[in-house]
Amino acid sequence: MRSSVAKERSAVPEVDAVNDVIRVYIERQEVSGAVTAVVLPDRIAHLGAVGNADIERNMPMAADTMFWIASMTKPVIAAAVMMVKDDGKIAFDDAVERYIPEFKNIKAVDGTYRRLTIRQLLTHTSGLAEATADENSKAMTLADIIPRYTSKALLYEPGSKWQYCQSCINTLGRIVEIVSGKPLPDFIAERIFKPLGMNDTGFYPDGRQQLRIAKPYANVQGRLVPAEVAGIYHPKLPHFPAANGGLYSTAADYAQFCRMLINRGTLDGKHYLDEKTIEEMSSVQTGGLKTGFTEGNAWGLGVCVVRKPQGVTAVLSTGSYGHGGAYGTQAWIDPVKRIAYILLVQRSNFPNADASDLRKEFQAAAYAAVLRQG
């Protein structure tokens, strides 16, 4: 069954040149299919669906196909943190223990106390340790998982290096819950998803939505074989709302989120974030530290920031920001050219999802298409 959102957006144009890039990678058995979007301040300029969401069931990709967007969840959680900051409930340089008392127990390897800040959590520079798979599987709330982090020694001196961190973002999700007085799924639904019309985005897809989720695949010896989304990200298993990467969404939904960011916090007459907050979110916060999964990047508050465009980021302007996901999903916002690129696939074993040739060629074709449209 197609969603009402898909019917409403059926008039959005598809750009053949963008779809043609995806077809090449389908033929190479790199992906089973993809849904792509090119987003401008006033509209979605392209929304294309190519290939299959489920090869075995011969289910085609569609505009409303849902995807596990994995770490593309992180910018949404960052936006929630920005919102409670704009509400005056937190400051980025506040100590985490001010909101979560367990963090008074955080110790360095030598057993001495260390003060962690919200800014360090947002920039992956806190040194916070991770939970094990078993610890994650037993947690049903974000409150459940916090003691698993605070009982372990820090991995390094806070602020001394960048190390991609799942526990940091889950801790931020818990802070949002504490200061807002609402469960994280309720807060982001009320403040982000519902007002933006993101009706197919959430941690817990219902039965009908699960029928529209693209099946993940892995490339094994040159051919696609079924893979699995498991553990705390599986749509059919009970789990805590994984702020680090638990959301499911569609290209059209995430496009609304990107449009809000392109428009500096306001969309269709509604205010979401202060413009200065978005500027801080998308500016370099990590100094000269080496960050990210491709060359030429820095880190902002919850997002990767392009410091020097090159290779896979060549088409992006300096200061572009966004995030990829474990299964190849990508969303990048160029605030200079005022365009965003969304690529949704479900491929489990890309060597480096952020550095895929598919991402590079999609973004290049998408930008060229926008130039032709004027």
Protein backbone atom coordinates (compact mmCIF):
# COMPACT_ATOMS: atom_id res chain seq x y z
CA MET A 1 0.00 0.00 0.00
CA ARG A 2 1.42 3.38 -1.00
CA SER A 3 1.40 6.11 1.63
CA SER A 4 -0.62 9.31 1.28
CA VAL A 5 2.65 11.24 1.41
CA ALA A 6 3.87 9.42 -1.71
CA LYS A 7 0.66 10.36 -3.55
CA GLU A 8 0.99 14.01 -2.52
CA ARG A 9 4.57 14.15 -3.79
CA SER A 10 4.00 12.18 -6.98
CA ALA A 11 4.28 15.40 -8.99
CA VAL A 12 7.91 15.90 -7.94
CA PRO A 13 10.08 15.53 -11.07
CA GLU A 14 12.59 12.76 -11.64
CA VAL A 15 15.84 13.68 -13.35
CA ASP A 16 16.91 10.98 -15.82
CA ALA A 17 20.61 11.78 -15.51
CA VAL A 18 20.50 11.15 -11.76
CA ASN A 19 18.54 7.92 -12.14
CA ASP A 20 20.99 6.76 -14.83
CA VAL A 21 23.87 6.93 -12.33
CA ILE A 22 21.99 4.62 -9.98
CA ARG A 23 21.20 2.16 -12.80
CA VAL A 24 24.93 1.73 -13.48
CA TYR A 25 25.51 0.62 -9.90
CA ILE A 26 22.51 -1.70 -9.98
CA GLU A 27 23.94 -3.37 -13.08
CA ARG A 28 27.27 -3.77 -11.29
CA GLN A 29 25.52 -5.50 -8.37
CA GLU A 30 26.67 -2.76 -6.04
CA VAL A 31 23.15 -1.93 -4.84
CA SER A 32 19.70 -3.38 -5.39
CA GLY A 33 18.26 0.08 -5.97
CA ALA A 34 18.05 3.55 -4.49
CA VAL A 35 15.79 6.48 -3.77
CA THR A 36 17.47 9.85 -4.32
CA ALA A 37 16.45 13.44 -3.72
CA VAL A 38 17.84 16.82 -4.67
CA VAL A 39 16.61 19.49 -2.32
CA LEU A 40 16.40 23.26 -2.82
CA PRO A 41 15.18 25.92 -0.38
CA ASP A 42 11.70 26.07 -1.92
CA ARG A 43 11.17 22.55 -3.22
CA ILE A 44 12.37 19.02 -3.89
CA ALA A 45 13.86 19.36 -7.37
CA HIS A 46 14.27 15.62 -7.91
CA LEU A 47 12.85 12.54 -6.23
CA GLY A 48 13.83 9.36 -8.02
CA ALA A 49 13.30 5.68 -7.28
CA VAL A 50 15.25 3.07 -9.26
CA GLY A 51 15.74 -0.68 -8.87
CA ASN A 52 14.32 -3.02 -6.25
CA ALA A 53 13.64 -2.57 -2.56
CA ASP A 54 13.39 -6.37 -2.28
CA ILE A 55 14.88 -8.47 -5.09
CA GLU A 56 13.38 -11.76 -3.96
CA ARG A 57 9.86 -10.33 -3.75
CA ASN A 58 10.35 -8.26 -6.93
CA MET A 59 9.30 -5.18 -4.93
CA PRO A 60 10.41 -2.00 -6.72
CA MET A 61 11.86 1.04 -5.03
CA ALA A 62 9.27 3.79 -4.66
CA ALA A 63 9.17 7.39 -3.48
CA ASP A 64 7.88 6.22 -0.09
CA THR A 65 10.20 3.24 0.40
CA MET A 66 11.53 3.34 3.95
CA PHE A 67 15.16 2.84 4.91
CA TRP A 68 17.13 2.29 8.07
CA ILE A 69 19.07 5.56 7.86
CA ALA A 70 21.53 4.57 10.61
CA SER A 71 23.85 7.43 11.53
CA MET A 72 21.85 9.92 9.49
CA THR A 73 19.92 9.88 12.78
CA LYS A 74 22.74 11.85 14.41
CA PRO A 75 22.00 15.24 12.76
CA VAL A 76 18.36 14.88 13.85
CA ILE A 77 19.45 14.34 17.44
CA ALA A 78 21.88 17.24 17.10
CA ALA A 79 18.96 19.41 15.97
CA ALA A 80 17.01 18.32 19.07
CA VAL A 81 19.98 19.32 21.23
CA MET A 82 20.09 22.68 19.42
CA MET A 83 16.39 23.15 20.17
CA VAL A 84 16.73 22.66 23.91
CA LYS A 85 19.74 24.99 23.79
CA ASP A 86 17.61 27.61 22.02
CA ASP A 87 14.96 27.02 24.70
CA GLY A 88 17.55 28.09 27.29
CA LYS A 89 17.64 24.67 28.98
CA ILE A 90 21.28 23.78 28.27
CA ALA A 91 24.54 25.35 27.13
CA PHE A 92 27.04 23.53 24.95
CA ASP A 93 29.85 23.90 27.49
CA ASP A 94 27.79 22.64 30.44
CA ALA A 95 29.12 19.60 32.27
CA VAL A 96 27.20 16.45 31.37
CA GLU A 97 26.95 15.58 35.07
CA ARG A 98 24.75 18.65 35.57
CA TYR A 99 21.98 16.70 33.85
CA ILE A 100 23.06 13.09 34.35
CA PRO A 101 24.52 12.60 37.86
CA GLU A 102 26.13 9.27 36.93
CA PHE A 103 28.74 11.27 35.02
CA LYS A 104 30.24 12.39 38.33
CA ASN A 105 31.75 8.89 38.36
CA ILE A 106 33.56 9.23 35.02
CA LYS A 107 37.26 8.45 35.38
CA ALA A 108 40.33 8.46 33.17
CA VAL A 109 42.44 5.34 32.82
CA ASP A 110 44.49 6.44 35.83
CA GLY A 111 41.36 6.53 38.00
CA THR A 112 41.08 10.31 38.31
CA TYR A 113 37.91 12.28 37.57
CA ARG A 114 37.32 14.02 34.23
CA ARG A 115 34.67 16.64 33.45
CA LEU A 116 32.87 15.98 30.14
CA THR A 117 30.87 18.64 28.30
CA ILE A 118 27.93 18.56 25.95
CA ARG A 119 30.15 20.09 23.27
CA GLN A 120 32.59 17.17 23.57
CA LEU A 121 29.72 14.72 23.14
CA LEU A 122 28.54 16.55 20.02
CA THR A 123 32.03 16.56 18.49
CA HIS A 124 33.07 12.96 19.31
CA THR A 125 35.96 14.20 21.42
CA SER A 126 34.87 13.06 24.90
CA GLY A 127 36.70 9.73 25.12
CA LEU A 128 33.52 8.06 26.37
CA ALA A 129 33.59 4.25 26.12
CA GLU A 130 30.98 2.17 24.30
CA ALA A 131 28.50 -0.42 25.52
CA THR A 132 28.87 -4.02 24.40
CA ALA A 133 26.35 -5.66 22.08
CA ASP A 134 24.97 -7.59 25.05
CA GLU A 135 24.59 -4.43 27.13
CA ASN A 136 22.80 -2.72 24.24
CA SER A 137 20.41 -5.63 23.76
CA LYS A 138 19.32 -5.53 27.41
CA ALA A 139 18.56 -1.79 27.47
CA MET A 140 14.96 -0.80 26.79
CA THR A 141 15.38 2.92 27.51
CA LEU A 142 18.17 5.46 27.16
CA ALA A 143 18.26 5.68 30.95
CA ASP A 144 19.07 1.94 31.01
CA ILE A 145 22.13 2.31 28.83
CA ILE A 146 23.79 5.30 30.55
CA PRO A 147 25.30 3.30 33.48
CA ARG A 148 27.01 1.04 30.92
CA TYR A 149 28.96 4.06 29.69
CA THR A 150 29.77 5.67 33.04
CA SER A 151 31.05 2.45 34.62
CA LYS A 152 33.97 2.30 32.17
CA ALA A 153 37.18 4.28 32.02
CA LEU A 154 37.52 6.93 29.34
CA LEU A 155 39.34 5.81 26.21
CA TYR A 156 41.48 8.95 25.98
CA GLU A 157 41.89 12.42 27.46
CA PRO A 158 38.78 14.48 26.61
CA GLY A 159 39.38 16.95 23.78
CA SER A 160 42.69 15.40 22.74
CA LYS A 161 41.45 13.47 19.71
CA TRP A 162 38.42 12.69 17.56
CA GLN A 163 37.03 9.17 17.74
CA TYR A 164 33.63 8.32 16.31
CA CYS A 165 31.40 7.60 19.29
CA GLN A 166 27.96 5.99 19.58
CA SER A 167 27.70 6.43 23.36
CA CYS A 168 28.13 10.21 23.00
CA ILE A 169 25.01 10.57 20.88
CA ASN A 170 22.90 8.26 23.02
CA THR A 171 23.93 10.31 26.04
CA LEU A 172 22.79 13.46 24.23
CA GLY A 173 19.45 11.79 23.57
CA ARG A 174 19.12 11.15 27.29
CA ILE A 175 19.92 14.79 28.08
CA VAL A 176 17.14 15.90 25.72
CA GLU A 177 14.76 13.60 27.60
CA ILE A 178 15.79 14.96 30.99
CA VAL A 179 15.60 18.68 30.19
CA SER A 180 12.42 18.41 28.09
CA GLY A 181 10.62 16.01 30.42
CA LYS A 182 9.63 13.84 27.45
CA PRO A 183 10.85 10.55 25.96
CA LEU A 184 13.18 11.24 23.04
CA PRO A 185 10.80 9.79 20.39
CA ASP A 186 8.01 12.06 21.66
CA PHE A 187 10.19 15.17 21.72
CA ILE A 188 11.52 14.81 18.18
CA ALA A 189 8.08 13.83 16.87
CA GLU A 190 6.49 16.93 18.40
CA ARG A 191 9.26 19.42 17.59
CA ILE A 192 10.64 18.08 14.30
CA PHE A 193 8.74 15.27 12.57
CA LYS A 194 5.11 16.35 12.91
CA PRO A 195 5.54 20.04 12.05
CA LEU A 196 7.79 19.15 9.09
CA GLY A 197 5.33 16.52 7.83
CA MET A 198 7.83 13.69 8.34
CA ASN A 199 5.13 11.09 8.90
CA ASP A 200 7.31 8.14 7.88
CA THR A 201 10.21 8.85 10.23
CA GLY A 202 10.71 7.24 13.62
CA PHE A 203 12.46 4.60 15.72
CA TYR A 204 9.60 2.11 15.63
CA PRO A 205 7.97 1.61 12.18
CA ASP A 206 4.44 0.24 12.49
CA GLY A 207 3.26 -2.90 10.71
CA ARG A 208 2.26 -1.13 7.50
CA GLN A 209 5.46 0.86 7.37
CA GLN A 210 7.53 -2.29 7.85
CA LEU A 211 6.12 -3.59 4.58
CA ARG A 212 7.76 -0.62 2.83
CA ILE A 213 11.25 -1.03 4.31
CA ALA A 214 13.99 -1.73 1.77
CA LYS A 215 15.77 -5.03 2.31
CA PRO A 216 19.51 -4.79 3.03
CA TYR A 217 22.01 -6.57 0.79
CA ALA A 218 25.73 -7.30 0.83
CA ASN A 219 28.00 -7.69 -2.17
CA VAL A 220 29.66 -11.09 -1.91
CA GLN A 221 32.03 -12.14 -4.69
CA GLY A 222 30.45 -9.67 -7.08
CA ARG A 223 26.80 -10.50 -6.39
CA LEU A 224 24.17 -9.16 -4.02
CA VAL A 225 22.99 -11.47 -1.25
CA PRO A 226 20.48 -10.71 1.52
CA ALA A 227 21.92 -9.14 4.66
CA GLU A 228 20.31 -8.23 7.97
CA VAL A 229 19.62 -5.25 10.18
CA ALA A 230 19.84 -6.66 13.68
CA GLY A 231 20.02 -5.81 17.35
CA ILE A 232 19.00 -2.36 18.55
CA TYR A 233 18.19 -1.23 14.99
CA HIS A 234 15.86 -4.04 13.96
CA PRO A 235 12.33 -2.71 13.30
CA LYS A 236 10.63 -5.82 14.73
CA LEU A 237 12.62 -6.25 17.94
CA PRO A 238 12.17 -4.32 21.22
CA HIS A 239 14.98 -1.85 21.83
CA PHE A 240 15.76 1.55 23.26
CA PRO A 241 15.40 4.59 20.95
CA ALA A 242 18.93 4.52 19.58
CA ALA A 243 19.83 8.19 19.19
CA ASN A 244 23.10 7.17 17.57
CA GLY A 245 21.46 5.47 14.58
CA GLY A 246 18.00 4.04 15.13
CA LEU A 247 15.74 6.05 12.82
CA TYR A 248 13.87 4.78 9.77
CA SER A 249 12.84 7.35 7.17
CA THR A 250 12.14 8.13 3.51
CA ALA A 251 13.92 10.43 1.09
CA ALA A 252 10.93 12.77 0.94
CA ASP A 253 10.75 12.99 4.73
CA TYR A 254 14.45 13.66 5.20
CA ALA A 255 14.24 16.25 2.43
CA GLN A 256 11.95 18.29 4.66
CA PHE A 257 14.53 18.22 7.43
CA CYS A 258 17.21 19.32 4.97
CA ARG A 259 15.00 22.13 3.63
CA MET A 260 14.61 23.46 7.15
CA LEU A 261 18.39 23.51 7.56
CA ILE A 262 18.97 25.09 4.13
CA ASN A 263 16.51 27.81 5.16
CA ARG A 264 18.53 28.42 8.33
CA GLY A 265 16.01 27.10 10.80
CA THR A 266 12.70 28.31 9.36
CA LEU A 267 10.42 26.54 6.91
CA ASP A 268 6.96 27.40 5.58
CA GLY A 269 6.55 30.13 8.16
CA LYS A 270 7.48 27.99 11.18
CA HIS A 271 10.59 28.60 13.28
CA TYR A 272 12.59 25.53 14.36
CA LEU A 273 16.12 26.71 15.16
CA ASP A 274 17.86 30.03 15.60
CA GLU A 275 20.01 30.97 12.61
CA LYS A 276 23.06 31.53 14.82
CA THR A 277 22.61 28.08 16.34
CA ILE A 278 22.69 26.47 12.88
CA GLU A 279 25.80 28.49 12.06
CA GLU A 280 27.50 27.12 15.17
CA MET A 281 26.23 23.60 14.52
CA SER A 282 27.73 23.65 11.00
CA SER A 283 31.02 25.39 11.80
CA VAL A 284 34.32 23.71 12.63
CA GLN A 285 34.47 22.78 16.33
CA THR A 286 37.44 20.40 16.33
CA GLY A 287 40.33 22.71 15.46
CA GLY A 288 43.12 20.88 13.70
CA LEU A 289 42.11 17.37 14.78
CA LYS A 290 41.82 14.80 12.00
CA THR A 291 38.17 13.77 11.79
CA GLY A 292 35.67 11.90 9.64
CA PHE A 293 35.84 9.05 7.17
CA THR A 294 37.12 10.93 4.11
CA GLU A 295 39.88 13.48 3.66
CA GLY A 296 39.45 17.22 4.12
CA ASN A 297 36.81 17.17 6.88
CA ALA A 298 36.33 18.65 10.32
CA TRP A 299 33.48 18.19 12.80
CA GLY A 300 30.74 20.55 13.83
CA LEU A 301 28.07 19.93 16.47
CA GLY A 302 26.69 16.53 15.52
CA VAL A 303 27.63 16.81 11.85
CA CYS A 304 30.66 16.35 9.62
CA VAL A 305 31.85 19.62 8.04
CA VAL A 306 33.72 19.86 4.73
CA ARG A 307 36.86 21.89 5.34
CA LYS A 308 38.49 21.33 1.94
CA PRO A 309 36.36 19.78 -0.85
CA GLN A 310 38.10 16.89 -2.59
CA GLY A 311 37.42 13.44 -3.97
CA VAL A 312 33.94 12.36 -2.93
CA THR A 313 33.16 15.87 -1.62
CA ALA A 314 34.47 17.71 -4.70
CA VAL A 315 31.07 19.05 -5.74
CA LEU A 316 30.36 20.43 -2.26
CA SER A 317 31.31 23.91 -1.07
CA THR A 318 33.59 24.57 1.86
CA GLY A 319 31.33 24.57 4.92
CA SER A 320 28.94 21.93 3.60
CA TYR A 321 27.79 19.57 6.32
CA GLY A 322 25.90 16.33 6.81
CA HIS A 323 26.24 12.68 7.68
CA GLY A 324 26.33 9.22 6.18
CA GLY A 325 24.95 5.94 7.49
CA ALA A 326 26.35 2.45 7.92
CA TYR A 327 24.35 0.98 5.03
CA GLY A 328 25.36 3.60 2.48
CA THR A 329 22.77 6.30 3.14
CA GLN A 330 23.97 9.90 2.74
CA ALA A 331 22.57 13.42 3.28
CA TRP A 332 24.68 16.52 2.71
CA ILE A 333 23.69 20.18 2.87
CA ASP A 334 25.58 22.84 0.92
CA PRO A 335 24.72 26.19 2.57
CA VAL A 336 26.64 28.18 -0.06
CA LYS A 337 24.89 26.76 -3.14
CA ARG A 338 21.76 26.16 -1.01
CA ILE A 339 21.23 22.59 -2.13
CA ALA A 340 21.07 19.24 -0.35
CA TYR A 341 21.72 15.73 -1.68
CA ILE A 342 20.01 12.63 -0.29
CA LEU A 343 21.02 9.10 -1.31
CA LEU A 344 19.18 6.15 0.27
CA VAL A 345 20.44 2.61 -0.35
CA GLN A 346 20.67 -0.51 1.84
CA ARG A 347 24.09 -2.00 1.23
CA SER A 348 25.70 -3.53 4.30
CA ASN A 349 29.34 -4.00 3.35
CA PHE A 350 30.60 -0.94 1.53
CA PRO A 351 34.31 -0.67 2.39
CA ASN A 352 33.58 2.95 3.35
CA ALA A 353 30.01 4.16 2.80
CA ASP A 354 31.05 7.83 2.98
CA ALA A 355 33.69 7.33 0.28
CA SER A 356 31.65 5.31 -2.22
CA ASP A 357 31.92 6.14 -5.92
CA LEU A 358 28.13 5.95 -5.98
CA ARG A 359 27.89 8.92 -3.62
CA LYS A 360 30.42 10.92 -5.63
CA GLU A 361 28.75 10.30 -8.98
CA PHE A 362 25.25 10.86 -7.63
CA GLN A 363 26.17 14.25 -6.16
CA ALA A 364 27.94 15.33 -9.36
CA ALA A 365 24.99 14.35 -11.56
CA ALA A 366 22.53 15.97 -9.16
CA TYR A 367 24.39 19.28 -9.11
CA ALA A 368 24.73 19.31 -12.90
CA ALA A 369 20.99 18.68 -13.22
CA VAL A 370 20.17 21.59 -10.93
CA LEU A 371 22.41 23.89 -12.98
CA ARG A 372 20.51 22.88 -16.12
CA GLN A 373 17.18 23.56 -14.43
CA GLY A 374 18.34 27.02 -13.46
